[in-house]
Protein backbone atom coordinates (compact mmCIF):
# COMPACT_ATOMS: atom_id res chain seq x y z
CA MET A 1 68.97 192.43 -3.71
CA SER A 2 71.48 191.27 -0.76
CA SER A 3 71.37 187.66 -0.42
CA VAL A 4 71.15 185.96 3.12
CA ALA A 5 74.81 185.59 3.84
CA ASP A 6 75.23 189.23 2.55
CA LYS A 7 72.32 190.53 4.92
CA ARG A 8 73.98 188.85 8.20
CA THR A 9 77.37 190.03 7.16
CA SER A 10 76.24 194.02 7.80
CA LEU A 11 74.52 193.28 11.21
CA GLU A 12 76.46 194.88 13.72
CA TYR A 13 76.76 191.90 15.91
CA ASN A 14 79.41 190.82 13.49
CA MET A 15 81.53 193.08 14.32
CA ARG A 16 84.48 191.67 16.52
CA PRO A 17 86.38 194.47 17.44
CA ALA A 18 88.50 192.29 19.88
CA VAL A 19 90.12 189.95 16.90
CA ASN A 20 90.67 192.27 14.51
CA PRO A 21 91.03 195.89 15.97
CA GLY A 22 93.11 196.71 12.59
CA GLN A 23 90.42 196.07 9.96
CA SER A 24 87.63 199.04 8.96
CA PHE A 25 84.09 198.67 9.19
CA GLN A 26 84.11 197.36 5.29
CA ASP A 27 86.28 194.88 6.32
CA PHE A 28 84.61 193.80 9.36
CA ALA A 29 81.42 193.37 7.13
CA LEU A 30 83.07 190.93 5.04
CA ASN A 31 83.96 189.02 7.67
CA ILE A 32 81.94 185.38 7.33
CA PRO A 33 79.67 185.13 10.94
CA ASP A 34 79.99 182.32 13.53
CA GLN A 35 75.97 182.17 12.81
CA ALA A 36 76.72 181.38 9.09
CA ILE A 37 79.33 178.57 9.75
CA GLN A 38 77.58 176.83 12.59
CA GLY A 39 73.99 177.53 10.95
CA GLN A 40 72.90 179.12 14.56
CA SER A 41 70.34 181.93 13.85
CA LYS A 42 70.72 183.27 17.46
CA LYS A 43 71.98 186.79 18.01
CA HIS A 44 75.35 186.77 18.49
CA SER A 45 75.23 188.30 22.18
CA GLU A 46 73.39 185.39 23.42
CA PHE A 47 76.91 183.71 23.36
CA LYS A 48 78.83 185.91 25.24
CA LYS A 49 79.45 183.47 28.63
CA PRO A 50 82.04 184.76 31.02
CA TYR A 51 82.02 181.91 32.94
CA LEU A 52 83.66 179.93 29.51
CA SER A 53 86.38 182.39 29.59
CA ASP A 54 88.31 184.72 31.25
CA SER A 55 88.78 187.04 28.14
CA TYR A 56 86.45 189.23 25.69
CA GLN A 57 88.15 186.44 22.92
CA GLY A 58 87.11 183.23 24.42
CA MET A 59 83.72 184.47 25.46
CA ASP A 60 82.96 186.40 21.70
CA TYR A 61 83.70 182.57 20.56
CA GLN A 62 81.47 180.20 22.78
CA TRP A 63 78.08 178.37 21.65
CA ASP A 64 75.64 176.79 23.38
CA GLY A 65 76.84 173.14 24.49
CA TYR A 66 80.07 171.84 24.69
CA ASN A 67 80.36 167.94 23.31
CA GLY A 68 77.02 167.68 24.34
CA TYR A 69 77.32 168.76 27.96
CA SER A 70 75.19 171.89 29.22
CA PRO A 71 77.08 174.52 31.81
CA ARG A 72 77.16 173.86 35.41
CA PHE A 73 78.11 176.33 37.99
CA ASP A 74 79.67 174.47 40.95
CA VAL A 75 82.91 173.37 39.03
CA PRO A 76 84.96 175.51 35.89
CA ILE A 77 84.38 174.24 32.43
CA ALA A 78 87.11 173.20 30.64
CA PRO A 79 88.33 175.92 28.37
CA ILE A 80 87.90 176.44 24.77
CA THR A 81 89.96 177.04 22.03
CA PRO A 82 88.53 179.45 19.69
CA ARG A 83 87.70 179.73 16.16
CA HIS A 84 89.06 182.77 14.19
CA PRO A 85 87.05 184.13 11.07
CA ILE A 86 88.15 182.72 7.96
CA PRO A 87 90.34 185.78 5.92
CA SER A 88 88.79 187.64 3.66
CA PRO A 89 90.12 190.37 1.25
CA GLY A 90 91.50 192.84 2.88
CA ASP A 91 92.93 190.78 6.00
CA ASP A 92 95.96 191.57 6.99
CA PRO A 93 97.93 188.09 7.56
CA SER A 94 100.68 190.13 9.67
CA PHE A 95 98.01 190.69 12.93
CA PRO A 96 98.79 187.86 15.65
CA VAL A 97 96.33 185.78 16.61
CA PRO A 98 94.62 185.88 20.17
CA PRO A 99 96.33 184.05 22.71
CA PRO A 100 94.09 180.76 23.94
CA PRO A 101 92.39 180.78 26.92
CA PRO A 102 94.62 179.41 30.02
CA ALA A 103 94.91 176.13 31.41
CA PRO A 104 92.33 173.37 32.44
CA GLY A 105 91.16 174.07 35.85
CA PHE A 106 91.52 177.60 36.53
CA PRO A 107 89.15 179.00 39.06
CA ILE A 108 86.32 180.63 39.30
CA PRO A 109 83.96 181.65 41.68
CA LYS A 110 81.11 179.17 43.11
CA ILE A 111 77.91 181.11 43.14
CA TYR A 112 75.07 178.86 42.78
CA PRO A 113 74.57 175.23 43.83
CA PRO A 114 74.96 172.57 41.26
CA PRO A 115 71.64 171.67 39.37
CA PRO A 116 69.13 169.51 40.87
CA GLY A 117 69.09 165.86 40.14
CA PRO A 118 71.98 163.52 39.61
CA PRO A 119 75.43 164.51 39.03
CA SER A 120 76.83 164.52 35.44
CA SER A 121 80.03 162.82 34.84
CA PRO A 122 83.24 164.24 34.97
CA ARG A 123 83.85 166.36 31.61
CA PRO A 124 87.59 167.76 30.62
CA GLY A 125 89.14 170.40 32.80
CA ASP A 126 86.55 169.91 35.66
CA ASN A 127 88.42 170.23 39.50
CA PRO A 128 87.04 168.01 42.00
CA THR A 129 88.73 169.80 44.83
CA GLN A 130 86.66 172.28 44.21
CA THR A 131 83.18 171.18 45.94
CA PRO A 132 80.89 173.88 47.14
CA SER A 133 80.57 172.03 50.69
CA PHE A 134 80.18 175.86 52.19
CA VAL A 135 77.22 176.43 50.19
CA LEU A 136 75.90 173.41 50.80
CA VAL A 137 75.97 173.57 54.79
CA PHE A 138 74.57 176.74 54.61
CA ARG A 139 71.74 176.15 52.27
CA LYS A 140 70.65 172.44 53.90
CA CYS A 141 71.41 173.50 57.77
CA CYS A 142 70.69 177.18 58.45
CA ILE A 143 67.06 176.91 57.72
CA GLY A 144 64.20 177.25 60.48
CA LEU A 145 67.22 178.16 63.02
CA ASN A 146 65.90 180.28 66.06
CA LEU A 147 67.93 182.83 68.15
CA SER A 148 66.43 185.48 70.80
CA GLY A 149 67.71 187.18 73.57
CA PRO A 150 67.29 190.62 75.25
CA ALA A 151 68.64 193.86 73.52
CA THR A 152 69.99 195.39 76.32
CA ALA A 153 71.34 194.00 79.41
CA LYS A 154 73.55 194.60 82.25
CA ILE A 155 76.85 194.01 83.76
CA GLU A 156 77.23 191.12 86.45
CA THR A 157 73.68 189.86 85.66
CA PRO A 158 72.00 186.43 84.11
CA ILE A 159 71.08 186.85 80.31
CA SER A 160 69.16 184.47 79.04
CA ILE A 161 69.58 182.72 75.23
CA VAL A 162 66.43 180.88 73.61
CA TYR A 163 68.19 178.55 70.68
CA GLY A 164 67.12 175.66 68.83
CA GLY A 165 65.07 174.03 65.48
CA GLY A 166 67.30 173.90 62.08
CA ASN A 167 68.05 170.11 60.01
CA THR A 168 68.07 167.42 62.14
CA GLU A 169 70.56 166.08 59.67
CA CYS A 170 72.76 168.93 61.17
CA SER A 171 74.98 169.80 64.09
CA TYR A 172 75.54 173.38 65.53
CA GLU A 173 77.54 175.23 67.91
CA LEU A 174 75.83 178.04 69.78
CA GLN A 175 79.17 180.49 70.54
CA THR A 176 79.47 183.82 71.98
CA ASP A 177 82.59 186.62 72.16
CA THR A 178 81.77 187.72 75.74
CA GLY A 179 81.54 185.84 78.81
CA SER A 180 80.29 182.11 78.91
CA PHE A 181 77.56 179.43 78.93
CA ASP A 182 77.91 177.65 82.09
CA GLY A 183 82.09 178.24 82.14
CA GLY A 184 82.49 177.69 78.09
CA THR A 185 82.07 179.97 75.57
CA SER A 186 80.25 176.67 73.51
CA VAL A 187 77.10 174.94 73.41
CA TYR A 188 76.45 172.02 71.34
CA PHE A 189 73.16 171.03 69.97
CA GLU A 190 71.50 168.88 67.01
CA GLY A 191 68.98 169.81 64.73
CA GLY A 192 65.62 170.17 65.71
CA GLY A 193 66.87 170.59 69.45
CA GLY A 194 67.57 173.39 71.60
CA GLY A 195 66.86 175.29 74.58
CA THR A 196 67.57 178.09 76.94
CA ALA A 197 71.27 178.83 78.04
CA THR A 198 72.46 181.46 80.71
CA LEU A 199 75.50 183.53 79.70
CA ASN A 200 76.94 185.17 82.81
CA GLY A 201 80.86 186.28 83.11
CA ILE A 202 80.28 189.67 81.86
CA TYR A 203 81.91 192.60 83.90
CA TYR A 204 82.08 195.43 81.23
CA PRO A 205 80.17 197.34 79.07
CA GLY A 206 80.15 196.51 75.43
CA THR A 207 78.18 194.41 72.75
CA ALA A 208 78.22 190.91 73.00
CA THR A 209 77.67 188.46 70.02
CA ILE A 210 75.99 185.10 69.66
CA THR A 211 75.86 183.24 66.76
CA ILE A 212 74.96 179.90 65.91
CA LYS A 213 77.23 178.20 63.54
CA ALA A 214 76.39 174.85 61.38
CA ILE A 215 79.14 172.19 61.82
CA GLY A 216 79.43 168.53 60.59
CA THR A 217 79.57 167.06 63.69
CA ALA A 218 78.55 168.36 67.52
CA THR A 219 81.93 166.83 68.48
CA ALA A 220 84.31 168.61 65.83
CA THR A 221 86.98 171.04 67.00
CA SER A 222 87.85 172.76 63.78
CA VAL A 223 86.28 175.88 62.56
CA GLU A 224 86.95 175.26 58.76
CA GLY A 225 84.09 174.71 56.73
CA ARG A 226 81.43 176.22 59.31
CA ALA A 227 78.86 178.52 58.24
CA ILE A 228 77.28 181.12 60.42
CA CYS A 229 74.24 180.58 60.40
CA LYS A 230 72.62 183.38 62.53
CA SER A 231 73.34 186.14 65.17
CA ILE A 232 72.27 188.59 67.45
CA SER A 233 73.73 191.35 69.35
CA ILE A 234 73.43 192.69 73.01
CA GLU A 235 74.40 195.93 74.55
CA ILE A 236 75.70 195.19 77.48
CA THR A 237 75.59 198.71 80.19
CA ALA A 238 76.56 199.14 83.47
CA CYS A 239 74.13 201.26 85.17
CA GLU A 240 73.02 200.10 88.37
CA CYS A 241 69.76 202.68 88.52
CA ASN A 242 69.00 200.43 92.60
CA SER A 243 72.05 202.39 93.87
CA ALA A 244 72.45 205.58 91.89
CA TYR A 245 70.37 209.12 92.92
CA ILE A 246 70.30 212.79 92.53
CA ALA A 247 72.60 214.11 95.07
CA TYR A 248 71.12 217.69 95.63
CA THR A 249 70.60 220.63 98.08
CA THR A 250 67.41 221.78 98.03
CA GLN A 251 64.11 221.28 96.77
CA GLN A 252 62.94 225.11 97.80
CA MET A 253 64.58 227.20 94.84
CA ALA A 254 63.86 231.05 94.43
CA VAL A 255 63.59 232.35 90.83
CA ASN A 256 66.76 232.84 89.10
CA GLU A 257 69.01 230.41 91.57
CA SER A 258 71.01 227.73 90.98
CA GLN A 259 72.34 224.79 92.37
CA ASN A 260 74.57 221.83 91.76
CA LEU A 261 72.91 218.35 91.00
CA THR A 262 75.41 215.07 90.97
CA VAL A 263 75.39 211.36 90.64
CA GLY A 264 75.28 209.57 93.99
CA ASN A 265 77.19 206.43 93.49
CA PRO A 266 78.09 206.47 90.15
CA VAL A 267 79.16 203.33 88.53
CA THR A 268 82.37 203.26 86.62
CA GLY A 269 81.59 203.30 82.70
CA SER A 270 78.01 204.36 82.94
CA VAL A 271 76.46 207.17 80.68
CA TYR A 272 74.19 208.89 82.65
CA THR A 273 71.64 211.35 81.78
CA TRP A 274 69.69 214.46 82.47
CA VAL A 275 66.28 215.15 81.53
CA LEU A 276 64.17 218.49 82.71
CA SER A 277 60.86 219.11 82.13
CA GLY A 278 59.39 222.29 83.18
CA GLY A 279 61.34 225.84 83.55
CA GLY A 280 65.09 226.59 83.87
CA SER A 281 67.70 225.16 82.47
CA LEU A 282 70.59 222.41 83.02
CA SER A 283 74.22 223.48 82.28
CA THR A 284 74.68 219.68 80.58
CA TYR A 285 72.22 217.26 80.13
CA THR A 286 74.86 213.93 80.27
CA GLY A 287 77.68 213.27 82.70
CA SER A 288 77.73 212.36 86.58
CA SER A 289 77.22 216.08 87.57
CA THR A 290 75.12 219.18 86.15
CA THR A 291 74.03 222.79 87.32
CA TYR A 292 70.49 223.46 87.06
CA THR A 293 69.27 227.41 86.78
CA ALA A 294 65.59 228.38 87.99
CA PRO A 295 63.58 230.38 85.51
CA ALA A 296 63.26 234.30 86.17
CA ALA A 297 59.19 234.02 86.89
CA ASN A 298 56.53 230.80 87.65
CA GLU A 299 53.08 232.28 87.53
CA ASN A 300 50.65 229.98 88.94
CA CYS A 301 54.19 227.57 89.77
CA LEU A 302 53.65 226.24 86.13
CA GLN A 303 57.12 226.52 86.06
CA ASN A 304 58.17 224.40 88.81
CA ALA A 305 60.96 221.79 87.31
CA THR A 306 61.26 217.52 87.67
CA ILE A 307 64.29 216.66 86.94
CA THR A 308 65.03 212.83 85.73
CA LEU A 309 68.12 211.33 86.15
CA LYS A 310 68.90 207.87 83.69
CA CYS A 311 71.21 205.53 82.81
CA ASP A 312 72.81 204.00 79.70
CA ASN A 313 69.74 202.49 78.53
CA PRO A 314 66.84 206.20 77.75
CA GLU A 315 64.15 204.24 79.14
CA GLU A 316 65.51 203.04 82.32
CA THR A 317 64.92 205.92 85.01
CA CYS A 318 67.01 205.99 88.17
CA ASP A 319 65.95 208.74 90.03
CA THR A 320 63.63 211.96 89.96
CA LEU A 321 63.87 215.50 91.87
CA GLN A 322 60.85 217.72 91.84
CA ILE A 323 61.89 221.73 92.41
CA ALA A 324 59.88 224.29 93.77
CA ILE A 325 60.41 227.57 92.44
CA ASN A 326 58.65 230.67 94.49
CA ALA A 327 58.55 234.04 93.67
CA VAL A 328 57.20 235.67 96.81
CA THR A 329 59.39 236.77 99.89
CA ASP A 330 56.55 238.30 102.06
CA THR A 331 54.99 237.26 105.23
CA THR A 332 52.10 235.80 103.57
CA ILE A 333 51.16 232.82 104.78
CA ALA A 334 50.95 229.51 102.38
CA TYR A 335 50.19 226.33 104.40
CA TRP A 336 49.45 224.81 107.73
CA LEU A 337 51.21 221.68 108.92
CA SER A 338 51.08 219.61 112.77
CA VAL A 339 53.59 218.71 114.27
CA SER A 340 53.66 214.86 115.17
CA PRO A 341 53.28 213.09 117.60
CA GLY A 342 51.18 214.92 119.71
CA THR A 343 50.20 214.70 123.51
CA CYS A 344 46.74 213.18 124.51
CA THR A 345 44.95 215.04 126.69
CA ARG A 346 41.70 215.54 128.59
CA GLU A 347 39.47 218.52 127.10
CA TYR A 348 35.83 219.56 127.80
CA GLY A 349 35.05 216.05 128.71
CA GLY A 350 36.84 213.91 126.39
CA TRP A 351 40.03 212.77 125.48
CA PHE A 352 42.07 215.32 122.85
CA CYS A 353 44.95 214.85 120.88
CA PHE A 354 46.81 218.15 121.47
CA CYS A 355 49.62 218.93 118.59
CA THR A 356 51.41 221.82 118.11
CA CYS A 357 50.74 223.17 114.10
CA ASN A 358 52.92 225.37 112.46
CA ARG A 359 52.09 228.13 109.51
CA TYR A 360 54.64 228.41 106.97
CA TYR A 361 55.55 231.33 104.16
CA CYS A 362 55.58 230.89 100.53
CA THR A 363 59.40 230.83 101.44
CA GLY A 364 58.94 227.41 103.78
CA GLY A 365 59.90 229.70 106.33
CA VAL A 366 57.82 229.38 110.10
CA SER A 367 55.74 232.23 110.92
CA PRO A 368 55.77 232.40 114.75
CA THR A 369 52.47 232.12 115.12
CA GLY A 370 50.75 228.88 115.34
CA CYS A 371 47.57 227.44 114.22
CA VAL A 372 44.08 227.01 115.61
CA GLY A 373 42.37 223.42 116.52
CA THR A 374 45.59 221.82 116.19
CA GLY A 375 43.68 218.03 117.34
CA ILE A 376 41.16 215.58 116.94
CA TYR A 377 38.88 213.53 120.00
CA ASP A 378 39.41 210.13 120.55
CA CYS A 379 42.56 209.43 121.65
CA THR A 380 43.89 207.60 124.25
CA PRO A 381 45.31 206.92 127.12
CA LEU A 382 45.57 210.39 128.78
CA GLY A 383 49.48 211.56 128.96
CA SER A 384 50.50 209.07 126.08
CA ALA A 385 51.69 210.22 122.34
CA CYS A 386 49.27 210.30 119.71
CA THR A 387 48.93 211.17 115.99
CA ASN A 388 45.94 211.69 115.15
CA CYS A 389 46.74 215.37 114.54
CA ARG A 390 44.39 218.09 112.26
CA TYR A 391 46.71 218.84 109.27
CA PRO A 392 49.42 215.35 109.12
CA THR A 393 49.97 216.85 105.83
CA PRO A 394 50.47 220.66 104.60
CA TYR A 395 47.16 222.24 104.39
CA ASP A 396 47.27 224.61 101.58
CA VAL A 397 45.86 227.98 102.48
CA ARG A 398 46.97 230.21 99.45
CA THR A 399 44.69 232.52 97.59
CA GLU A 400 44.51 232.55 94.13
CA ALA A 401 46.59 235.74 93.64
CA GLN A 402 48.77 234.35 95.68
CA LYS A 403 49.07 231.51 93.29
CA ALA A 404 49.54 233.77 90.68
CA ALA A 405 51.81 235.98 91.67
CA GLY A 406 53.95 232.69 92.07
CA CYS A 407 53.85 231.85 96.10
CA CYS A 408 55.35 227.95 95.12
CA PRO A 409 56.20 226.19 98.20
CA ALA A 410 58.25 222.93 98.37
CA ALA A 411 55.55 221.45 100.50
CA LEU A 412 53.05 221.50 98.26
CA ILE A 413 54.55 220.51 95.15
């Protein structure tokens, strides 16, 4: 029956190839483990503490606690000279001893803040210059801040930025990388305060980034130690939909016919988009011009086209154009329309507004024969101009057969 010591030495966690890589498995099994020497019963894997050493050998020999101190994360720990296994039969005395860890004060990454409570006294190897001020500023000041603005905006247009909140013990800087706030690129404020800043002076399309930084004082001039707590981005577009429009040749087209469409009053740097609903096709859907081709048929006028011009922001419409696609070329009449103004005249004992009335084909052409009953009574005085004509808007006289054949004049869209 094996002893407790034998049982310990046969466990796999006692094998340390990093210390004696030349030994055989049997030699490793004969080594007296650190646990037996220190009277500890934990697994060997629990002693792997990379923050205490920069080498495998170094962390292989660490144990819980060092001179009564618990590990801290904000300052380096004094390196510890590793203990080596007690020689056993079969050890090679010529095998080189592993080098010790580096000198005190070696840098380590500061990932966590110090634990709560009063700070502990310095220990050998502590580096007092490695104070995690950046971490402290971030934790203390970057909570509870507000920063908002529009997702998109146009050039040369004031942009409202709402900011505030934060820690009352901290000071902050609101900053922009494009344009300015009332002549400057920064606005300083104390924690708990805030307001609305107006961003001006943006003359080109692009992206404006607005940030809030935590700083030591409101008058600080150095950016060292400042932490960016919050940021937003605003897409700046050059679209001017108030002036951009669709320039076209006609709203009355025949089947299979084409016409060019362009952007009137375009703004340099703008990205224009064309959107088509209905029949036909566009040669391109982006740019300052496109070509529309009408469909080959238009039964019941369901293939009439609507073309929309958008600029930069897909939600903003600059202009809309409707196009009627006619497939009937004969001389059947499609609608009547009075020509206003008319002339007030006397007829059958009353005052009558006499208006010229035209009849129109499916193509939009005018018939040589006019309409009947072209005016309405009750105009005055005699001989004056009048507008109360009988057909002030197009009066649809198409039959169902005409519509099914594609009689689609632009006046009736």
